[in-house]
């Protein structure tokens, strides 16, 4: 269900966070669904458990997941309305727009790219 790009410049824990947010927002991960344990997910993804723990901690701090002592981590409800998640997405889009402008990509071309992404049935 989760795959990581070990050649990407994006840190592994950030990739993991973003994948879980995307899976949650798209409904692939249902509200209150139990996530794999830190140890099991680390083993499955072939990463250090500390990496998974850092991603889970950030996701919990952002309200994307919640933990129940002795039971594990679960997907929070209403991820699509989570203000922190929405604000992070706005910041990322804003940074991307500034990057496009700085290399003189025309506004029309940038908007067309955004429209294309919205229309795509992207792999998660």
PDB file of N, CA and C in Angstrom:
ATOM      1  N   UNK A   1       0.820  -1.191   0.000  1.00  0.00           N
ATOM      2  CA  UNK A   1       0.000   0.000   0.000  1.00  0.00           C
ATOM      3  C   UNK A   1       0.864   1.255   0.000  1.00  0.00           C
ATOM      4  N   UNK A   2       1.937   1.247   0.740  1.00  0.00           N
ATOM      5  CA  UNK A   2       2.838   2.391   0.800  1.00  0.00           C
ATOM      6  C   UNK A   2       4.128   2.057   0.069  1.00  0.00           C
ATOM      7  N   UNK A   3       4.588   2.996  -0.730  1.00  0.00           N
ATOM      8  CA  UNK A   3       5.877   2.822  -1.385  1.00  0.00           C
ATOM      9  C   UNK A   3       6.655   4.124  -1.230  1.00  0.00           C
ATOM     10  N   UNK A   4       7.939   4.000  -1.129  1.00  0.00           N
ATOM     11  CA  UNK A   4       8.809   5.150  -0.932  1.00  0.00           C
ATOM     12  C   UNK A   4       9.810   5.233  -2.074  1.00  0.00           C
ATOM     13  N   UNK A   5      10.262   6.438  -2.363  1.00  0.00           N
ATOM     14  CA  UNK A   5      11.269   6.663  -3.395  1.00  0.00           C
ATOM     15  C   UNK A   5      12.585   6.985  -2.700  1.00  0.00           C
ATOM     16  N   UNK A   6      13.457   6.006  -2.655  1.00  0.00           N
ATOM     17  CA  UNK A   6      14.723   6.177  -1.950  1.00  0.00           C
ATOM     18  C   UNK A   6      15.706   7.051  -2.720  1.00  0.00           C
ATOM     19  N   UNK A   7      15.375   7.412  -3.954  1.00  0.00           N
ATOM     20  CA  UNK A   7      16.245   8.296  -4.742  1.00  0.00           C
ATOM     21  C   UNK A   7      15.795   9.751  -4.652  1.00  0.00           C
ATOM     22  N   UNK A   8      14.641   9.991  -4.038  1.00  0.00           N
ATOM     23  CA  UNK A   8      14.100  11.335  -3.925  1.00  0.00           C
ATOM     24  C   UNK A   8      14.899  12.156  -2.924  1.00  0.00           C
ATOM     25  N   UNK A   9      14.889  13.455  -3.133  1.00  0.00           N
ATOM     26  CA  UNK A   9      15.531  14.358  -2.168  1.00  0.00           C
ATOM     27  C   UNK A   9      14.637  14.606  -0.958  1.00  0.00           C
ATOM     28  N   UNK A  10      13.356  14.271  -1.095  1.00  0.00           N
ATOM     29  CA  UNK A  10      12.424  14.434   0.015  1.00  0.00           C
ATOM     30  C   UNK A  10      12.754  13.394   1.079  1.00  0.00           C
ATOM     31  N   UNK A  11      12.900  13.808   2.335  1.00  0.00           N
ATOM     32  CA  UNK A  11      13.223  12.847   3.393  1.00  0.00           C
ATOM     33  C   UNK A  11      12.182  11.723   3.471  1.00  0.00           C
ATOM     34  N   UNK A  12      12.635  10.541   3.847  1.00  0.00           N
ATOM     35  CA  UNK A  12      11.778   9.366   3.908  1.00  0.00           C
ATOM     36  C   UNK A  12      10.583   9.603   4.834  1.00  0.00           C
ATOM     37  N   UNK A  13      10.818  10.204   5.988  1.00  0.00           N
ATOM     38  CA  UNK A  13       9.709  10.400   6.929  1.00  0.00           C
ATOM     39  C   UNK A  13       8.671  11.358   6.343  1.00  0.00           C
ATOM     40  N   UNK A  14       9.115  12.348   5.543  1.00  0.00           N
ATOM     41  CA  UNK A  14       8.174  13.271   4.897  1.00  0.00           C
ATOM     42  C   UNK A  14       7.375  12.543   3.824  1.00  0.00           C
ATOM     43  N   UNK A  15       8.038  11.672   3.064  1.00  0.00           N
ATOM     44  CA  UNK A  15       7.328  10.882   2.064  1.00  0.00           C
ATOM     45  C   UNK A  15       6.252  10.038   2.736  1.00  0.00           C
ATOM     46  N   UNK A  16       6.625   9.408   3.839  1.00  0.00           N
ATOM     47  CA  UNK A  16       5.692   8.552   4.568  1.00  0.00           C
ATOM     48  C   UNK A  16       4.512   9.366   5.088  1.00  0.00           C
ATOM     49  N   UNK A  17       4.783  10.521   5.675  1.00  0.00           N
ATOM     50  CA  UNK A  17       3.722  11.412   6.153  1.00  0.00           C
ATOM     51  C   UNK A  17       2.781  11.779   5.014  1.00  0.00           C
ATOM     52  N   UNK A  18       3.346  12.200   3.896  1.00  0.00           N
ATOM     53  CA  UNK A  18       2.531  12.646   2.771  1.00  0.00           C
ATOM     54  C   UNK A  18       1.684  11.517   2.202  1.00  0.00           C
ATOM     55  N   UNK A  19       2.240  10.310   2.165  1.00  0.00           N
ATOM     56  CA  UNK A  19       1.474   9.162   1.664  1.00  0.00           C
ATOM     57  C   UNK A  19       0.291   8.862   2.586  1.00  0.00           C
ATOM     58  N   UNK A  20       0.530   8.889   3.884  1.00  0.00           N
ATOM     59  CA  UNK A  20      -0.546   8.603   4.836  1.00  0.00           C
ATOM     60  C   UNK A  20      -1.618   9.686   4.768  1.00  0.00           C
ATOM     61  N   UNK A  21      -1.216  10.936   4.632  1.00  0.00           N
ATOM     62  CA  UNK A  21      -2.189  12.029   4.486  1.00  0.00           C
ATOM     63  C   UNK A  21      -3.010  11.816   3.222  1.00  0.00           C
ATOM     64  N   UNK A  22      -2.343  11.490   2.129  1.00  0.00           N
ATOM     65  CA  UNK A  22      -3.037  11.291   0.857  1.00  0.00           C
ATOM     66  C   UNK A  22      -4.002  10.103   0.929  1.00  0.00           C
ATOM     67  N   UNK A  23      -3.544   9.017   1.510  1.00  0.00           N
ATOM     68  CA  UNK A  23      -4.406   7.837   1.642  1.00  0.00           C
ATOM     69  C   UNK A  23      -5.605   8.125   2.543  1.00  0.00           C
ATOM     70  N   UNK A  24      -5.388   8.910   3.576  1.00  0.00           N
ATOM     71  CA  UNK A  24      -6.472   9.262   4.498  1.00  0.00           C
ATOM     72  C   UNK A  24      -7.467  10.207   3.835  1.00  0.00           C
ATOM     73  N   UNK A  25      -6.955  11.234   3.176  1.00  0.00           N
ATOM     74  CA  UNK A  25      -7.828  12.223   2.543  1.00  0.00           C
ATOM     75  C   UNK A  25      -8.634  11.623   1.402  1.00  0.00           C
ATOM     76  N   UNK A  26      -8.065  10.626   0.728  1.00  0.00           N
ATOM     77  CA  UNK A  26      -8.769  10.017  -0.411  1.00  0.00           C
ATOM     78  C   UNK A  26      -9.729   8.910   0.020  1.00  0.00           C
ATOM     79  N   UNK A  27      -9.706   8.556   1.309  1.00  0.00           N
ATOM     80  CA  UNK A  27     -10.616   7.536   1.802  1.00  0.00           C
ATOM     81  C   UNK A  27     -10.085   6.115   1.714  1.00  0.00           C
ATOM     82  N   UNK A  28      -8.870   5.952   1.184  1.00  0.00           N
ATOM     83  CA  UNK A  28      -8.274   4.612   1.129  1.00  0.00           C
ATOM     84  C   UNK A  28      -8.047   4.107   2.550  1.00  0.00           C
ATOM     85  N   UNK A  29      -7.593   5.008   3.422  1.00  0.00           N
ATOM     86  CA  UNK A  29      -7.509   4.701   4.851  1.00  0.00           C
ATOM     87  C   UNK A  29      -8.749   5.315   5.501  1.00  0.00           C
ATOM     88  N   UNK A  30      -9.581   4.487   6.078  1.00  0.00           N
ATOM     89  CA  UNK A  30     -10.839   4.946   6.662  1.00  0.00           C
ATOM     90  C   UNK A  30     -10.603   5.579   8.035  1.00  0.00           C
ATOM     91  N   UNK A  31     -11.483   6.500   8.431  1.00  0.00           N
ATOM     92  CA  UNK A  31     -11.391   7.046   9.783  1.00  0.00           C
ATOM     93  C   UNK A  31     -11.415   5.925  10.817  1.00  0.00           C
ATOM     94  N   UNK A  32     -10.581   6.054  11.803  1.00  0.00           N
ATOM     95  CA  UNK A  32     -10.427   5.102  12.906  1.00  0.00           C
ATOM     96  C   UNK A  32      -9.787   3.775  12.491  1.00  0.00           C
ATOM     97  N   UNK A  33      -9.283   3.706  11.269  1.00  0.00           N
ATOM     98  CA  UNK A  33      -8.581   2.494  10.830  1.00  0.00           C
ATOM     99  C   UNK A  33      -7.220   2.421  11.517  1.00  0.00           C
ATOM    100  N   UNK A  34      -6.873   1.240  11.965  1.00  0.00           N
ATOM    101  CA  UNK A  34      -5.597   1.027  12.646  1.00  0.00           C
ATOM    102  C   UNK A  34      -4.462   1.013  11.626  1.00  0.00           C
ATOM    103  N   UNK A  35      -3.413   1.752  11.926  1.00  0.00           N
ATOM    104  CA  UNK A  35      -2.213   1.763  11.090  1.00  0.00           C
ATOM    105  C   UNK A  35      -1.273   0.652  11.541  1.00  0.00           C
ATOM    106  N   UNK A  36      -0.385   0.219  10.656  1.00  0.00           N
ATOM    107  CA  UNK A  36       0.599  -0.789  11.070  1.00  0.00           C
ATOM    108  C   UNK A  36       1.453  -0.249  12.218  1.00  0.00           C
ATOM    109  N   UNK A  37       1.938  -1.136  13.044  1.00  0.00           N
ATOM    110  CA  UNK A  37       2.824  -0.706  14.126  1.00  0.00           C
ATOM    111  C   UNK A  37       4.093  -0.111  13.525  1.00  0.00           C
ATOM    112  N   UNK A  38       4.768   0.701  14.306  1.00  0.00           N
ATOM    113  CA  UNK A  38       6.014   1.314  13.858  1.00  0.00           C
ATOM    114  C   UNK A  38       6.992   0.235  13.402  1.00  0.00           C
ATOM    115  N   UNK A  39       7.145  -0.781  14.217  1.00  0.00           N
ATOM    116  CA  UNK A  39       8.096  -1.850  13.915  1.00  0.00           C
ATOM    117  C   UNK A  39       7.723  -2.603  12.631  1.00  0.00           C
ATOM    118  N   UNK A  40       6.440  -2.954  12.492  1.00  0.00           N
ATOM    119  CA  UNK A  40       6.000  -3.697  11.306  1.00  0.00           C
ATOM    120  C   UNK A  40       6.137  -2.871  10.027  1.00  0.00           C
ATOM    121  N   UNK A  41       5.755  -1.593  10.104  1.00  0.00           N
ATOM    122  CA  UNK A  41       5.853  -0.750   8.922  1.00  0.00           C
ATOM    123  C   UNK A  41       7.309  -0.519   8.536  1.00  0.00           C
ATOM    124  N   UNK A  42       8.169  -0.310   9.527  1.00  0.00           N
ATOM    125  CA  UNK A  42       9.593  -0.131   9.249  1.00  0.00           C
ATOM    126  C   UNK A  42      10.166  -1.365   8.563  1.00  0.00           C
ATOM    127  N   UNK A  43       9.774  -2.520   9.049  1.00  0.00           N
ATOM    128  CA  UNK A  43      10.254  -3.779   8.457  1.00  0.00           C
ATOM    129  C   UNK A  43       9.747  -3.923   7.020  1.00  0.00           C
ATOM    130  N   UNK A  44       8.468  -3.609   6.812  1.00  0.00           N
ATOM    131  CA  UNK A  44       7.865  -3.723   5.485  1.00  0.00           C
ATOM    132  C   UNK A  44       8.515  -2.769   4.483  1.00  0.00           C
ATOM    133  N   UNK A  45       8.812  -1.538   4.933  1.00  0.00           N
ATOM    134  CA  UNK A  45       9.376  -0.522   4.040  1.00  0.00           C
ATOM    135  C   UNK A  45      10.908  -0.545   3.996  1.00  0.00           C
ATOM    136  N   UNK A  46      11.500  -1.375   4.830  1.00  0.00           N
ATOM    137  CA  UNK A  46      12.963  -1.474   4.921  1.00  0.00           C
ATOM    138  C   UNK A  46      13.597  -0.152   5.329  1.00  0.00           C
ATOM    139  N   UNK A  47      13.025   0.459   6.366  1.00  0.00           N
ATOM    140  CA  UNK A  47      13.559   1.705   6.912  1.00  0.00           C
ATOM    141  C   UNK A  47      13.752   1.554   8.411  1.00  0.00           C
ATOM    142  N   UNK A  48      14.460   2.482   8.987  1.00  0.00           N
ATOM    143  CA  UNK A  48      14.706   2.493  10.418  1.00  0.00           C
ATOM    144  C   UNK A  48      13.389   2.786  11.155  1.00  0.00           C
ATOM    145  N   UNK A  49      13.089   2.055  12.234  1.00  0.00           N
ATOM    146  CA  UNK A  49      11.870   2.338  13.000  1.00  0.00           C
ATOM    147  C   UNK A  49      11.775   3.789  13.475  1.00  0.00           C
ATOM    148  N   UNK A  50      12.910   4.432  13.728  1.00  0.00           N
ATOM    149  CA  UNK A  50      12.894   5.835  14.155  1.00  0.00           C
ATOM    150  C   UNK A  50      12.299   6.736  13.072  1.00  0.00           C
ATOM    151  N   UNK A  51      12.497   6.368  11.818  1.00  0.00           N
ATOM    152  CA  UNK A  51      11.942   7.130  10.703  1.00  0.00           C
ATOM    153  C   UNK A  51      10.420   7.064  10.727  1.00  0.00           C
ATOM    154  N   UNK A  52       9.881   5.873  10.912  1.00  0.00           N
ATOM    155  CA  UNK A  52       8.429   5.692  10.983  1.00  0.00           C
ATOM    156  C   UNK A  52       7.897   6.395  12.224  1.00  0.00           C
ATOM    157  N   UNK A  53       8.585   6.272  13.338  1.00  0.00           N
ATOM    158  CA  UNK A  53       8.157   6.913  14.581  1.00  0.00           C
ATOM    159  C   UNK A  53       8.080   8.428  14.409  1.00  0.00           C
ATOM    160  N   UNK A  54       9.066   9.011  13.744  1.00  0.00           N
ATOM    161  CA  UNK A  54       9.069  10.465  13.508  1.00  0.00           C
ATOM    162  C   UNK A  54       7.866  10.867  12.646  1.00  0.00           C
ATOM    163  N   UNK A  55       7.584  10.101  11.606  1.00  0.00           N
ATOM    164  CA  UNK A  55       6.430  10.392  10.752  1.00  0.00           C
ATOM    165  C   UNK A  55       5.138  10.297  11.559  1.00  0.00           C
ATOM    166  N   UNK A  56       4.993   9.235  12.338  1.00  0.00           N
ATOM    167  CA  UNK A  56       3.789   9.060  13.155  1.00  0.00           C
ATOM    168  C   UNK A  56       3.648  10.200  14.170  1.00  0.00           C
ATOM    169  N   UNK A  57       4.740  10.615  14.790  1.00  0.00           N
ATOM    170  CA  UNK A  57       4.676  11.705  15.765  1.00  0.00           C
ATOM    171  C   UNK A  57       4.216  12.999  15.107  1.00  0.00           C
ATOM    172  N   UNK A  58       4.780  13.297  13.920  1.00  0.00           N
ATOM    173  CA  UNK A  58       4.368  14.506  13.203  1.00  0.00           C
ATOM    174  C   UNK A  58       2.898  14.433  12.803  1.00  0.00           C
ATOM    175  N   UNK A  59       2.475  13.272  12.325  1.00  0.00           N
ATOM    176  CA  UNK A  59       1.078  13.099  11.919  1.00  0.00           C
ATOM    177  C   UNK A  59       0.136  13.252  13.113  1.00  0.00           C
ATOM    178  N   UNK A  60       0.551  12.760  14.257  1.00  0.00           N
ATOM    179  CA  UNK A  60      -0.279  12.907  15.456  1.00  0.00           C
ATOM    180  C   UNK A  60      -0.342  14.373  15.887  1.00  0.00           C
ATOM    181  N   UNK A  61       0.784  15.048  15.838  1.00  0.00           N
ATOM    182  CA  UNK A  61       0.835  16.460  16.199  1.00  0.00           C
ATOM    183  C   UNK A  61      -0.064  17.292  15.262  1.00  0.00           C
ATOM    184  N   UNK A  62      -0.148  16.873  14.001  1.00  0.00           N
ATOM    185  CA  UNK A  62      -0.962  17.586  13.017  1.00  0.00           C
ATOM    186  C   UNK A  62      -2.431  17.151  13.038  1.00  0.00           C
ATOM    187  N   UNK A  63      -2.757  16.152  13.865  1.00  0.00           N
ATOM    188  CA  UNK A  63      -4.141  15.716  13.980  1.00  0.00           C
ATOM    189  C   UNK A  63      -4.593  14.755  12.900  1.00  0.00           C
ATOM    190  N   UNK A  64      -3.652  14.213  12.141  1.00  0.00           N
ATOM    191  CA  UNK A  64      -3.987  13.278  11.065  1.00  0.00           C
ATOM    192  C   UNK A  64      -4.246  11.887  11.636  1.00  0.00           C
ATOM    193  N   UNK A  65      -3.499  11.528  12.668  1.00  0.00           N
ATOM    194  CA  UNK A  65      -3.688  10.241  13.336  1.00  0.00           C
ATOM    195  C   UNK A  65      -3.770  10.480  14.842  1.00  0.00           C
ATOM    196  N   UNK A  66      -4.204   9.478  15.561  1.00  0.00           N
ATOM    197  CA  UNK A  66      -4.197   9.533  17.015  1.00  0.00           C
ATOM    198  C   UNK A  66      -3.725   8.183  17.537  1.00  0.00           C
ATOM    199  N   UNK A  67      -3.170   8.203  18.730  1.00  0.00           N
ATOM    200  CA  UNK A  67      -2.654   6.980  19.340  1.00  0.00           C
ATOM    201  C   UNK A  67      -3.476   6.605  20.557  1.00  0.00           C
ATOM    202  N   UNK A  68      -3.622   5.307  20.747  1.00  0.00           N
ATOM    203  CA  UNK A  68      -4.259   4.767  21.934  1.00  0.00           C
ATOM    204  C   UNK A  68      -3.199   3.899  22.614  1.00  0.00           C
ATOM    205  N   UNK A  69      -2.768   4.279  23.822  1.00  0.00           N
ATOM    206  CA  UNK A  69      -1.717   3.512  24.487  1.00  0.00           C
ATOM    207  C   UNK A  69      -2.044   2.020  24.560  1.00  0.00           C
ATOM    208  N   UNK A  70      -1.092   1.228  24.138  1.00  0.00           N
ATOM    209  CA  UNK A  70      -1.254  -0.219  24.173  1.00  0.00           C
ATOM    210  C   UNK A  70      -2.046  -0.799  23.007  1.00  0.00           C
ATOM    211  N   UNK A  71      -2.627   0.057  22.174  1.00  0.00           N
ATOM    212  CA  UNK A  71      -3.440  -0.426  21.044  1.00  0.00           C
ATOM    213  C   UNK A  71      -2.871  -0.033  19.701  1.00  0.00           C
ATOM    214  N   UNK A  72      -2.199   1.136  19.614  1.00  0.00           N
ATOM    215  CA  UNK A  72      -1.600   1.551  18.354  1.00  0.00           C
ATOM    216  C   UNK A  72      -2.055   2.911  17.884  1.00  0.00           C
ATOM    217  N   UNK A  73      -1.796   3.148  16.599  1.00  0.00           N
ATOM    218  CA  UNK A  73      -2.139   4.423  15.968  1.00  0.00           C
ATOM    219  C   UNK A  73      -3.280   4.222  14.985  1.00  0.00           C
ATOM    220  N   UNK A  74      -4.155   5.234  14.913  1.00  0.00           N
ATOM    221  CA  UNK A  74      -5.368   5.155  14.109  1.00  0.00           C
ATOM    222  C   UNK A  74      -5.550   6.436  13.308  1.00  0.00           C
ATOM    223  N   UNK A  75      -6.257   6.330  12.188  1.00  0.00           N
ATOM    224  CA  UNK A  75      -6.545   7.477  11.332  1.00  0.00           C
ATOM    225  C   UNK A  75      -7.628   8.329  11.990  1.00  0.00           C
ATOM    226  N   UNK A  76      -7.386   9.627  12.064  1.00  0.00           N
ATOM    227  CA  UNK A  76      -8.370  10.554  12.622  1.00  0.00           C
ATOM    228  C   UNK A  76      -9.524  10.750  11.652  1.00  0.00           C
ATOM    229  N   UNK A  77     -10.638  11.207  12.180  1.00  0.00           N
ATOM    230  CA  UNK A  77     -11.799  11.516  11.346  1.00  0.00           C
ATOM    231  C   UNK A  77     -11.653  12.919  10.771  1.00  0.00           C
ATOM    232  N   UNK A  78     -12.296  13.152   9.636  1.00  0.00           N
ATOM    233  CA  UNK A  78     -12.342  14.491   9.052  1.00  0.00           C
ATOM    234  C   UNK A  78     -11.021  15.013   8.548  1.00  0.00           C
ATOM    235  N   UNK A  79     -10.178  14.134   8.032  1.00  0.00           N
ATOM    236  CA  UNK A  79      -8.854  14.570   7.563  1.00  0.00           C
ATOM    237  C   UNK A  79      -8.970  15.629   6.475  1.00  0.00           C
ATOM    238  N   UNK A  80     -10.002  15.542   5.630  1.00  0.00           N
ATOM    239  CA  UNK A  80     -10.187  16.522   4.558  1.00  0.00           C
ATOM    240  C   UNK A  80     -10.502  17.919   5.060  1.00  0.00           C
ATOM    241  N   UNK A  81     -10.957  18.017   6.311  1.00  0.00           N
ATOM    242  CA  UNK A  81     -11.269  19.321   6.893  1.00  0.00           C
ATOM    243  C   UNK A  81     -10.203  19.762   7.900  1.00  0.00           C
ATOM    244  N   UNK A  82      -9.153  18.986   8.053  1.00  0.00           N
ATOM    245  CA  UNK A  82      -8.107  19.291   9.014  1.00  0.00           C
ATOM    246  C   UNK A  82      -7.368  20.561   8.581  1.00  0.00           C
ATOM    247  N   UNK A  83      -7.500  21.614   9.357  1.00  0.00           N
ATOM    248  CA  UNK A  83      -6.922  22.908   9.005  1.00  0.00           C
ATOM    249  C   UNK A  83      -5.399  22.850   8.848  1.00  0.00           C
ATOM    250  N   UNK A  84      -4.727  22.076   9.684  1.00  0.00           N
ATOM    251  CA  UNK A  84      -3.272  21.985   9.564  1.00  0.00           C
ATOM    252  C   UNK A  84      -2.862  21.347   8.242  1.00  0.00           C
ATOM    253  N   UNK A  85      -3.560  20.286   7.867  1.00  0.00           N
ATOM    254  CA  UNK A  85      -3.263  19.608   6.613  1.00  0.00           C
ATOM    255  C   UNK A  85      -3.543  20.550   5.446  1.00  0.00           C
ATOM    256  N   UNK A  86      -4.676  21.243   5.501  1.00  0.00           N
ATOM    257  CA  UNK A  86      -5.018  22.177   4.431  1.00  0.00           C
ATOM    258  C   UNK A  86      -4.010  23.315   4.349  1.00  0.00           C
ATOM    259  N   UNK A  87      -3.587  23.833   5.481  1.00  0.00           N
ATOM    260  CA  UNK A  87      -2.608  24.924   5.480  1.00  0.00           C
ATOM    261  C   UNK A  87      -1.274  24.448   4.931  1.00  0.00           C
ATOM    262  N   UNK A  88      -0.844  23.244   5.278  1.00  0.00           N
ATOM    263  CA  UNK A  88       0.398  22.700   4.725  1.00  0.00           C
ATOM    264  C   UNK A  88       0.298  22.560   3.213  1.00  0.00           C
ATOM    265  N   UNK A  89      -0.859  22.120   2.722  1.00  0.00           N
ATOM    266  CA  UNK A  89      -1.056  21.991   1.275  1.00  0.00           C
ATOM    267  C   UNK A  89      -1.021  23.362   0.607  1.00  0.00           C
ATOM    268  N   UNK A  90      -1.636  24.357   1.237  1.00  0.00           N
ATOM    269  CA  UNK A  90      -1.611  25.721   0.685  1.00  0.00           C
ATOM    270  C   UNK A  90      -0.185  26.259   0.613  1.00  0.00           C
ATOM    271  N   UNK A  91       0.591  26.022   1.675  1.00  0.00           N
ATOM    272  CA  UNK A  91       1.983  26.486   1.689  1.00  0.00           C
ATOM    273  C   UNK A  91       2.797  25.813   0.587  1.00  0.00           C
ATOM    274  N   UNK A  92       2.586  24.498   0.409  1.00  0.00           N
ATOM    275  CA  UNK A  92       3.327  23.775  -0.629  1.00  0.00           C
ATOM    276  C   UNK A  92       2.947  24.290  -2.014  1.00  0.00           C
ATOM    277  N   UNK A  93       1.661  24.540  -2.232  1.00  0.00           N
ATOM    278  CA  UNK A  93       1.223  25.058  -3.528  1.00  0.00           C
ATOM    279  C   UNK A  93       1.772  26.463  -3.755  1.00  0.00           C
ATOM    280  N   UNK A  94       1.778  27.264  -2.708  1.00  0.00           N
ATOM    281  CA  UNK A  94       2.313  28.618  -2.810  1.00  0.00           C
ATOM    282  C   UNK A  94       3.806  28.589  -3.151  1.00  0.00           C
ATOM    283  N   UNK A  95       4.550  27.711  -2.502  1.00  0.00           N
ATOM    284  CA  UNK A  95       5.987  27.588  -2.791  1.00  0.00           C
ATOM    285  C   UNK A  95       6.209  27.126  -4.230  1.00  0.00           C
ATOM    286  N   UNK A  96       5.379  26.185  -4.683  1.00  0.00           N
ATOM    287  CA  UNK A  96       5.502  25.712  -6.061  1.00  0.00           C
ATOM    288  C   UNK A  96       5.199  26.837  -7.043  1.00  0.00           C
ATOM    289  N   UNK A  97       4.191  27.646  -6.744  1.00  0.00           N
ATOM    290  CA  UNK A  97       3.845  28.769  -7.624  1.00  0.00           C
ATOM    291  C   UNK A  97       4.982  29.783  -7.683  1.00  0.00           C
ATOM    292  N   UNK A  98       5.581  30.078  -6.527  1.00  0.00           N
ATOM    293  CA  UNK A  98       6.723  31.000  -6.514  1.00  0.00           C
ATOM    294  C   UNK A  98       7.888  30.431  -7.319  1.00  0.00           C
ATOM    295  N   UNK A  99       8.096  29.109  -7.196  1.00  0.00           N
ATOM    296  CA  UNK A  99       9.154  28.464  -7.971  1.00  0.00           C
ATOM    297  C   UNK A  99       8.898  28.572  -9.463  1.00  0.00           C
ATOM    298  N   UNK A 100       7.658  28.356  -9.870  1.00  0.00           N
ATOM    299  CA  UNK A 100       7.304  28.490 -11.293  1.00  0.00           C
ATOM    300  C   UNK A 100       7.549  29.919 -11.774  1.00  0.00           C
ATOM    301  N   UNK A 101       7.107  30.881 -10.973  1.00  0.00           N
ATOM    302  CA  UNK A 101       7.287  32.286 -11.349  1.00  0.00           C
ATOM    303  C   UNK A 101       8.765  32.657 -11.446  1.00  0.00           C
ATOM    304  N   UNK A 102       9.572  32.108 -10.524  1.00  0.00           N
ATOM    305  CA  UNK A 102      10.990  32.469 -10.513  1.00  0.00           C
ATOM    306  C   UNK A 102      11.746  31.960 -11.743  1.00  0.00           C
ATOM    307  N   UNK A 103      11.252  30.898 -12.359  1.00  0.00           N
ATOM    308  CA  UNK A 103      11.904  30.393 -13.576  1.00  0.00           C
ATOM    309  C   UNK A 103      11.104  30.789 -14.823  1.00  0.00           C
ATOM    310  N   UNK A 104      10.205  31.759 -14.626  1.00  0.00           N
ATOM    311  CA  UNK A 104       9.446  32.372 -15.712  1.00  0.00           C
ATOM    312  C   UNK A 104       8.512  31.424 -16.464  1.00  0.00           C
ATOM    313  N   UNK A 105       7.914  30.478 -15.733  1.00  0.00           N
ATOM    314  CA  UNK A 105       6.861  29.656 -16.324  1.00  0.00           C
ATOM    315  C   UNK A 105       5.618  30.538 -16.389  1.00  0.00           C
ATOM    316  N   UNK A 106       5.018  30.598 -17.549  1.00  0.00           N
ATOM    317  CA  UNK A 106       3.849  31.454 -17.730  1.00  0.00           C
ATOM    318  C   UNK A 106       2.708  30.988 -16.821  1.00  0.00           C
ATOM    319  N   UNK A 107       1.928  31.945 -16.340  1.00  0.00           N
ATOM    320  CA  UNK A 107       0.798  31.652 -15.463  1.00  0.00           C
ATOM    321  C   UNK A 107      -0.150  30.656 -16.125  1.00  0.00           C
ATOM    322  N   UNK A 108      -0.422  30.842 -17.399  1.00  0.00           N
ATOM    323  CA  UNK A 108      -1.339  29.945 -18.115  1.00  0.00           C
ATOM    324  C   UNK A 108      -0.807  28.511 -18.109  1.00  0.00           C
ATOM    325  N   UNK A 109       0.508  28.360 -18.290  1.00  0.00           N
ATOM    326  CA  UNK A 109       1.111  27.019 -18.294  1.00  0.00           C
ATOM    327  C   UNK A 109       1.044  26.390 -16.901  1.00  0.00           C
ATOM    328  N   UNK A 110       1.302  27.191 -15.874  1.00  0.00           N
ATOM    329  CA  UNK A 110       1.245  26.682 -14.503  1.00  0.00           C
ATOM    330  C   UNK A 110      -0.191  26.261 -14.151  1.00  0.00           C
ATOM    331  N   UNK A 111      -1.169  27.079 -14.533  1.00  0.00           N
ATOM    332  CA  UNK A 111      -2.569  26.742 -14.258  1.00  0.00           C
ATOM    333  C   UNK A 111      -2.988  25.487 -15.006  1.00  0.00           C
ATOM    334  N   UNK A 112      -2.515  25.333 -16.226  1.00  0.00           N
ATOM    335  CA  UNK A 112      -2.845  24.139 -17.004  1.00  0.00           C
ATOM    336  C   UNK A 112      -2.259  22.891 -16.334  1.00  0.00           C
ATOM    337  N   UNK A 113      -1.065  23.012 -15.790  1.00  0.00           N
ATOM    338  CA  UNK A 113      -0.453  21.894 -15.082  1.00  0.00           C
ATOM    339  C   UNK A 113      -1.261  21.523 -13.842  1.00  0.00           C
ATOM    340  N   UNK A 114      -1.689  22.518 -13.097  1.00  0.00           N
ATOM    341  CA  UNK A 114      -2.511  22.260 -11.905  1.00  0.00           C
ATOM    342  C   UNK A 114      -3.812  21.571 -12.309  1.00  0.00           C
ATOM    343  N   UNK A 115      -4.441  22.062 -13.372  1.00  0.00           N
ATOM    344  CA  UNK A 115      -5.678  21.432 -13.850  1.00  0.00           C
ATOM    345  C   UNK A 115      -5.427  19.989 -14.256  1.00  0.00           C
ATOM    346  N   UNK A 116      -4.312  19.743 -14.921  1.00  0.00           N
ATOM    347  CA  UNK A 116      -3.978  18.389 -15.357  1.00  0.00           C
ATOM    348  C   UNK A 116      -3.823  17.461 -14.153  1.00  0.00           C
ATOM    349  N   UNK A 117      -3.137  17.924 -13.123  1.00  0.00           N
ATOM    350  CA  UNK A 117      -2.941  17.120 -11.919  1.00  0.00           C
ATOM    351  C   UNK A 117      -4.280  16.812 -11.260  1.00  0.00           C
ATOM    352  N   UNK A 118      -5.168  17.798 -11.218  1.00  0.00           N
ATOM    353  CA  UNK A 118      -6.487  17.579 -10.612  1.00  0.00           C
ATOM    354  C   UNK A 118      -7.308  16.564 -11.392  1.00  0.00           C
ATOM    355  N   UNK A 119      -7.112  16.504 -12.698  1.00  0.00           N
ATOM    356  CA  UNK A 119      -7.877  15.581 -13.529  1.00  0.00           C
ATOM    357  C   UNK A 119      -7.292  14.175 -13.541  1.00  0.00           C
ATOM    358  N   UNK A 120      -6.002  14.057 -13.255  1.00  0.00           N
ATOM    359  CA  UNK A 120      -5.349  12.749 -13.300  1.00  0.00           C
ATOM    360  C   UNK A 120      -5.880  11.811 -12.227  1.00  0.00           C
ATOM    361  N   UNK A 121      -5.853  10.550 -12.539  1.00  0.00           N
ATOM    362  CA  UNK A 121      -6.145   9.538 -11.545  1.00  0.00           C
ATOM    363  C   UNK A 121      -4.791   9.023 -11.083  1.00  0.00           C
ATOM    364  N   UNK A 122      -4.141   9.827 -10.228  1.00  0.00           N
ATOM    365  CA  UNK A 122      -2.786   9.522  -9.792  1.00  0.00           C
ATOM    366  C   UNK A 122      -2.709   8.256  -8.971  1.00  0.00           C
ATOM    367  N   UNK A 123      -1.588   7.570  -9.125  1.00  0.00           N
ATOM    368  CA  UNK A 123      -1.290   6.439  -8.240  1.00  0.00           C
ATOM    369  C   UNK A 123      -1.002   6.991  -6.863  1.00  0.00           C
ATOM    370  N   UNK A 124      -1.446   6.306  -5.848  1.00  0.00           N
ATOM    371  CA  UNK A 124      -1.222   6.764  -4.474  1.00  0.00           C
ATOM    372  C   UNK A 124       0.038   6.161  -3.932  1.00  0.00           C
TER     373      UNK A 124
END
